[in-house]
Amino acid sequence: MAANATALPAAAARRSLAPGLSIGLSTIYLSLIVLLPLAALSWKAHGWQAVTNPEATAALELTLGVSLLVALVNAVAGTAIAWTLVRDRFVGQGLVNALVDLPFALPTIVAGLTLLALYGPRSPVAVDVSLKRTGIVLALLFVTLPFVVRTVQPVLFELDREMEEAAASLGAGRARIFLRIILPSILPAILSGVALAFARAVGEFGSLVLISGNIPFKTEVVSLYIFGRIESGDPGGAAAASVVILGISFGVLLAIGVLRRWVTRHDR
């Protein structure tokens, strides 16, 4: 009994040490990789007129509006693709599943060049969206699609189909089963995918350089505006614009996180 009594505190000590160590290492790593660079960016920010001028305001409005639109479209399209990959079986399914990850593997500048070749002035399908906001939407849809698909897909894999079968046996239609049983289960994953897609769209640069043309008040997004400030010899203004878009993006991500926690409040 005495041996057991001494062993229990020792085991408890070992259990309490590991979490403390992991938290400490995580904090140090995040501080070095994330917090310190953000602090340096905030310290370097000055020349706030670069954020309040009409060109910056137009770029910010375009970026947020297009990013929100892209995130919402991919919430629907990504969920539909995830559903098809999980619930259906068809020839070439493995290829389609691999193509979903293609935007992850491609350098973003290659994605922009690909879209420009397909939808540019010499488009083989006679569709030219270069130097237009439509081109920005297409580019962002391309680079953000995998975020929703890959967050929803595992949740669909783990869903228990017995509840769906029971609802069907009681006469519920497919639409009602989806809205009442499936959607509440996958909604947190959809929200996570939307948050990731929105964050990626706000900060996207490479795929937009070629197809957007960076025309002020028309196709200039915040990332390209910031790059323009750097090229103009105004790193302080570029840092100020970066801090603003960083704060807005972080606020949106926090809001989506709060919404996700509210949706899953009954599961805890």
Protein backbone atom coordinates (compact mmCIF):
# COMPACT_ATOMS: atom_id res chain seq x y z
CA MET A 1 0.00 0.00 0.00
CA ALA A 2 2.84 2.36 0.86
CA ALA A 3 4.46 1.68 -2.49
CA ASN A 4 1.20 2.42 -4.22
CA ALA A 5 0.75 5.61 -2.21
CA THR A 6 4.17 6.90 -3.25
CA ALA A 7 3.65 5.80 -6.84
CA LEU A 8 0.44 7.80 -7.24
CA PRO A 9 1.97 11.24 -6.49
CA ALA A 10 4.90 10.42 -8.75
CA ALA A 11 2.57 9.48 -11.59
CA ALA A 12 0.56 12.64 -11.01
CA ALA A 13 3.74 14.69 -11.10
CA ARG A 14 4.72 13.10 -14.39
CA ARG A 15 1.31 13.83 -15.83
CA SER A 16 1.41 17.47 -14.74
CA LEU A 17 4.96 17.99 -16.04
CA ALA A 18 4.23 17.00 -19.65
CA PRO A 19 1.37 19.45 -20.20
CA GLY A 20 3.38 22.27 -18.67
CA LEU A 21 6.36 21.46 -20.85
CA SER A 22 4.27 21.21 -24.00
CA ILE A 23 2.50 24.50 -23.25
CA GLY A 24 5.83 26.21 -22.66
CA LEU A 25 7.37 24.90 -25.88
CA SER A 26 4.25 25.81 -27.84
CA THR A 27 4.26 29.33 -26.42
CA ILE A 28 7.94 29.84 -27.22
CA TYR A 29 7.52 28.54 -30.76
CA LEU A 30 4.45 30.68 -31.44
CA SER A 31 6.20 33.71 -30.00
CA LEU A 32 9.20 33.28 -32.27
CA ILE A 33 7.28 32.40 -35.42
CA VAL A 34 4.11 34.48 -35.06
CA LEU A 35 4.03 37.00 -32.21
CA LEU A 36 7.46 38.59 -32.64
CA PRO A 37 7.08 39.17 -36.41
CA LEU A 38 3.63 40.67 -35.83
CA ALA A 39 5.01 42.91 -33.10
CA ALA A 40 7.84 44.01 -35.41
CA LEU A 41 5.32 44.77 -38.16
CA SER A 42 3.20 46.87 -35.80
CA TRP A 43 6.25 48.73 -34.52
CA LYS A 44 7.36 49.53 -38.06
CA ALA A 45 3.94 50.78 -39.15
CA HIS A 46 3.70 54.52 -39.71
CA GLY A 47 2.38 56.81 -42.38
CA TRP A 48 -1.23 55.93 -41.69
CA GLN A 49 -2.36 58.19 -44.52
CA ALA A 50 -1.45 55.25 -46.76
CA VAL A 51 -4.41 53.42 -45.19
CA THR A 52 -6.97 56.22 -45.23
CA ASN A 53 -6.51 57.49 -48.79
CA PRO A 54 -9.22 56.64 -51.37
CA GLU A 55 -7.05 54.12 -53.22
CA ALA A 56 -6.40 52.11 -50.05
CA THR A 57 -10.05 52.25 -49.05
CA ALA A 58 -11.14 50.98 -52.47
CA ALA A 59 -8.59 48.16 -52.33
CA LEU A 60 -9.75 47.19 -48.84
CA GLU A 61 -13.43 47.18 -49.82
CA LEU A 62 -12.73 45.09 -52.91
CA THR A 63 -10.60 42.60 -50.97
CA LEU A 64 -13.12 42.06 -48.17
CA GLY A 65 -16.10 41.88 -50.52
CA VAL A 66 -14.53 39.41 -52.92
CA SER A 67 -13.08 37.31 -50.09
CA LEU A 68 -16.46 37.02 -48.41
CA LEU A 69 -18.13 36.10 -51.71
CA VAL A 70 -15.50 33.47 -52.47
CA ALA A 71 -15.75 31.96 -48.98
CA LEU A 72 -19.55 31.67 -49.24
CA VAL A 73 -19.47 30.16 -52.74
CA ASN A 74 -16.86 27.61 -51.71
CA ALA A 75 -18.88 26.80 -48.58
CA VAL A 76 -21.58 25.44 -50.89
CA ALA A 77 -19.38 24.08 -53.68
CA GLY A 78 -16.80 22.59 -51.30
CA THR A 79 -19.48 20.87 -49.25
CA ALA A 80 -21.06 19.44 -52.40
CA ILE A 81 -17.70 18.13 -53.63
CA ALA A 82 -16.89 16.63 -50.24
CA TRP A 83 -20.30 14.94 -50.20
CA THR A 84 -19.72 13.50 -53.69
CA LEU A 85 -16.29 12.16 -52.78
CA VAL A 86 -17.55 10.51 -49.58
CA ARG A 87 -21.03 9.26 -50.45
CA ASP A 88 -20.74 8.45 -54.19
CA ARG A 89 -18.65 6.00 -56.17
CA PHE A 90 -17.69 6.74 -59.78
CA VAL A 91 -14.94 6.13 -62.31
CA GLY A 92 -12.01 8.48 -61.79
CA GLN A 93 -12.90 9.30 -58.19
CA GLY A 94 -9.28 8.98 -57.09
CA LEU A 95 -8.22 11.47 -59.76
CA VAL A 96 -10.89 13.96 -58.70
CA ASN A 97 -9.84 13.55 -55.07
CA ALA A 98 -6.23 14.30 -56.02
CA LEU A 99 -7.23 17.32 -58.14
CA VAL A 100 -8.82 18.92 -55.07
CA ASP A 101 -5.35 19.26 -53.53
CA LEU A 102 -3.82 20.72 -56.68
CA PRO A 103 -4.14 24.37 -55.50
CA PHE A 104 -2.13 23.36 -52.40
CA ALA A 105 0.69 21.97 -54.53
CA LEU A 106 0.84 24.63 -57.25
CA PRO A 107 2.81 27.83 -56.65
CA THR A 108 0.26 30.60 -56.67
CA ILE A 109 1.99 32.39 -59.53
CA VAL A 110 1.57 29.22 -61.61
CA ALA A 111 -2.14 29.21 -60.73
CA GLY A 112 -2.43 32.79 -61.96
CA LEU A 113 -0.55 31.96 -65.17
CA THR A 114 -2.80 28.94 -65.75
CA LEU A 115 -5.96 31.01 -65.34
CA LEU A 116 -4.54 33.73 -67.59
CA ALA A 117 -3.79 31.17 -70.31
CA LEU A 118 -7.34 29.81 -70.10
CA TYR A 119 -9.29 33.01 -69.47
CA GLY A 120 -6.95 35.69 -70.80
CA PRO A 121 -6.84 37.73 -74.02
CA ARG A 122 -5.89 34.62 -76.03
CA SER A 123 -8.36 32.32 -74.30
CA PRO A 124 -9.00 29.05 -76.18
CA VAL A 125 -12.60 29.16 -74.92
CA ALA A 126 -13.12 32.80 -75.97
CA VAL A 127 -13.62 33.99 -72.38
CA ASP A 128 -11.45 36.91 -71.26
CA VAL A 129 -11.68 37.87 -67.59
CA SER A 130 -8.22 39.39 -67.28
CA LEU A 131 -8.06 42.89 -65.81
CA LYS A 132 -11.57 42.36 -64.45
CA ARG A 133 -12.98 41.62 -61.02
CA THR A 134 -14.39 38.38 -62.40
CA GLY A 135 -10.82 37.19 -62.87
CA ILE A 136 -10.07 37.95 -59.22
CA VAL A 137 -13.08 35.89 -58.14
CA LEU A 138 -12.03 32.93 -60.32
CA ALA A 139 -8.46 33.02 -59.04
CA LEU A 140 -9.56 33.11 -55.41
CA LEU A 141 -12.14 30.36 -55.95
CA PHE A 142 -9.36 28.20 -57.34
CA VAL A 143 -6.88 28.69 -54.50
CA THR A 144 -9.41 28.45 -51.63
CA LEU A 145 -11.55 25.48 -52.71
CA PRO A 146 -9.50 22.76 -50.92
CA PHE A 147 -9.94 24.39 -47.51
CA VAL A 148 -13.67 23.67 -47.34
CA VAL A 149 -13.47 20.26 -49.00
CA ARG A 150 -10.74 18.97 -46.72
CA THR A 151 -12.38 20.20 -43.52
CA VAL A 152 -15.83 18.78 -44.34
CA GLN A 153 -14.70 15.48 -45.84
CA PRO A 154 -13.41 13.81 -42.64
CA VAL A 155 -16.58 14.77 -40.76
CA LEU A 156 -18.74 13.17 -43.44
CA PHE A 157 -16.63 10.02 -43.20
CA GLU A 158 -17.32 9.77 -39.47
CA LEU A 159 -21.07 10.44 -39.59
CA ASP A 160 -23.24 7.64 -38.26
CA ARG A 161 -25.67 6.70 -41.03
CA GLU A 162 -28.02 4.85 -38.68
CA MET A 163 -29.81 8.10 -37.81
CA GLU A 164 -30.27 8.86 -41.50
CA GLU A 165 -31.63 5.38 -42.13
CA ALA A 166 -33.97 5.67 -39.16
CA ALA A 167 -35.27 9.03 -40.38
CA ALA A 168 -35.78 7.62 -43.87
CA SER A 169 -37.69 4.65 -42.47
CA LEU A 170 -40.03 7.11 -40.73
CA GLY A 171 -40.79 8.81 -44.01
CA ALA A 172 -38.37 11.77 -43.99
CA GLY A 173 -37.24 12.93 -47.42
CA ARG A 174 -33.64 13.45 -48.46
CA ALA A 175 -33.83 17.22 -48.11
CA ARG A 176 -35.26 17.00 -44.60
CA ILE A 177 -32.67 14.40 -43.55
CA PHE A 178 -29.89 16.66 -44.79
CA LEU A 179 -31.23 19.80 -43.11
CA ARG A 180 -32.19 18.19 -39.79
CA ILE A 181 -29.50 15.52 -39.30
CA ILE A 182 -26.51 15.97 -41.58
CA LEU A 183 -26.14 19.75 -41.80
CA PRO A 184 -26.00 20.36 -38.00
CA SER A 185 -23.23 17.76 -37.76
CA ILE A 186 -21.07 19.19 -40.54
CA LEU A 187 -21.81 22.89 -39.97
CA PRO A 188 -18.84 23.44 -37.60
CA ALA A 189 -16.52 21.95 -40.21
CA ILE A 190 -18.06 24.15 -42.91
CA LEU A 191 -17.51 27.23 -40.74
CA SER A 192 -13.88 26.23 -40.17
CA GLY A 193 -13.38 25.82 -43.90
CA VAL A 194 -15.02 29.19 -44.56
CA ALA A 195 -12.71 30.86 -42.04
CA LEU A 196 -9.62 29.34 -43.66
CA ALA A 197 -10.83 30.18 -47.16
CA PHE A 198 -11.57 33.78 -46.17
CA ALA A 199 -8.16 34.21 -44.55
CA ARG A 200 -6.40 32.78 -47.61
CA ALA A 201 -8.42 34.98 -49.98
CA VAL A 202 -7.65 38.16 -48.03
CA GLY A 203 -3.91 37.53 -48.17
CA GLU A 204 -3.67 36.06 -51.67
CA PHE A 205 -1.06 37.63 -53.90
CA GLY A 206 0.61 35.34 -56.43
CA SER A 207 -2.44 34.19 -58.37
CA LEU A 208 -3.73 37.77 -58.69
CA VAL A 209 -0.62 39.53 -59.97
CA LEU A 210 -1.07 38.52 -63.59
CA ILE A 211 -4.81 38.20 -64.02
CA SER A 212 -5.93 41.30 -62.11
CA GLY A 213 -3.61 43.86 -63.68
CA ASN A 214 -3.52 45.76 -60.38
CA ILE A 215 -5.63 48.67 -61.67
CA PRO A 216 -6.37 51.18 -58.86
CA PHE A 217 -10.05 51.55 -57.96
CA LYS A 218 -10.91 48.60 -60.21
CA THR A 219 -8.86 45.42 -59.69
CA GLU A 220 -6.36 46.42 -57.00
CA VAL A 221 -6.62 44.26 -53.87
CA VAL A 222 -4.92 44.97 -50.56
CA SER A 223 -2.00 42.59 -51.08
CA LEU A 224 -1.14 44.25 -54.39
CA TYR A 225 -1.62 47.70 -52.86
CA ILE A 226 0.83 46.80 -50.10
CA PHE A 227 3.33 45.55 -52.68
CA GLY A 228 2.92 48.81 -54.57
CA ARG A 229 3.68 50.83 -51.42
CA ILE A 230 6.90 48.86 -50.96
CA GLU A 231 7.92 49.43 -54.59
CA SER A 232 7.20 53.16 -54.10
CA GLY A 233 9.63 53.33 -51.20
CA ASP A 234 7.00 53.52 -48.46
CA PRO A 235 7.59 50.47 -46.23
CA GLY A 236 5.94 52.24 -43.29
CA GLY A 237 2.73 52.74 -45.23
CA ALA A 238 2.88 49.13 -46.41
CA ALA A 239 3.26 47.99 -42.80
CA ALA A 240 0.34 50.17 -41.72
CA ALA A 241 -1.90 48.69 -44.40
CA SER A 242 -0.75 45.21 -43.36
CA VAL A 243 -1.66 45.87 -39.74
CA VAL A 244 -5.14 47.05 -40.72
CA ILE A 245 -5.92 44.02 -42.90
CA LEU A 246 -4.39 41.77 -40.26
CA GLY A 247 -6.68 43.21 -37.60
CA ILE A 248 -9.77 42.88 -39.79
CA SER A 249 -8.93 39.30 -40.76
CA PHE A 250 -8.27 38.34 -37.15
CA GLY A 251 -11.57 39.88 -36.10
CA VAL A 252 -13.46 37.94 -38.77
CA LEU A 253 -11.72 34.70 -37.76
CA LEU A 254 -12.61 35.32 -34.12
CA ALA A 255 -16.24 36.00 -35.06
CA ILE A 256 -16.43 32.76 -37.04
CA GLY A 257 -14.81 30.92 -34.13
CA VAL A 258 -17.43 32.31 -31.74
CA LEU A 259 -20.18 31.29 -34.15
CA ARG A 260 -18.69 27.82 -34.41
CA ARG A 261 -18.62 27.46 -30.62
CA TRP A 262 -22.23 28.65 -30.43
CA VAL A 263 -23.30 26.08 -33.02
CA THR A 264 -21.59 23.29 -31.07
CA ARG A 265 -22.68 24.49 -27.61
CA HIS A 266 -24.99 21.48 -27.10
CA ASP A 267 -22.21 19.00 -27.92
CA ARG A 268 -20.05 19.95 -24.95
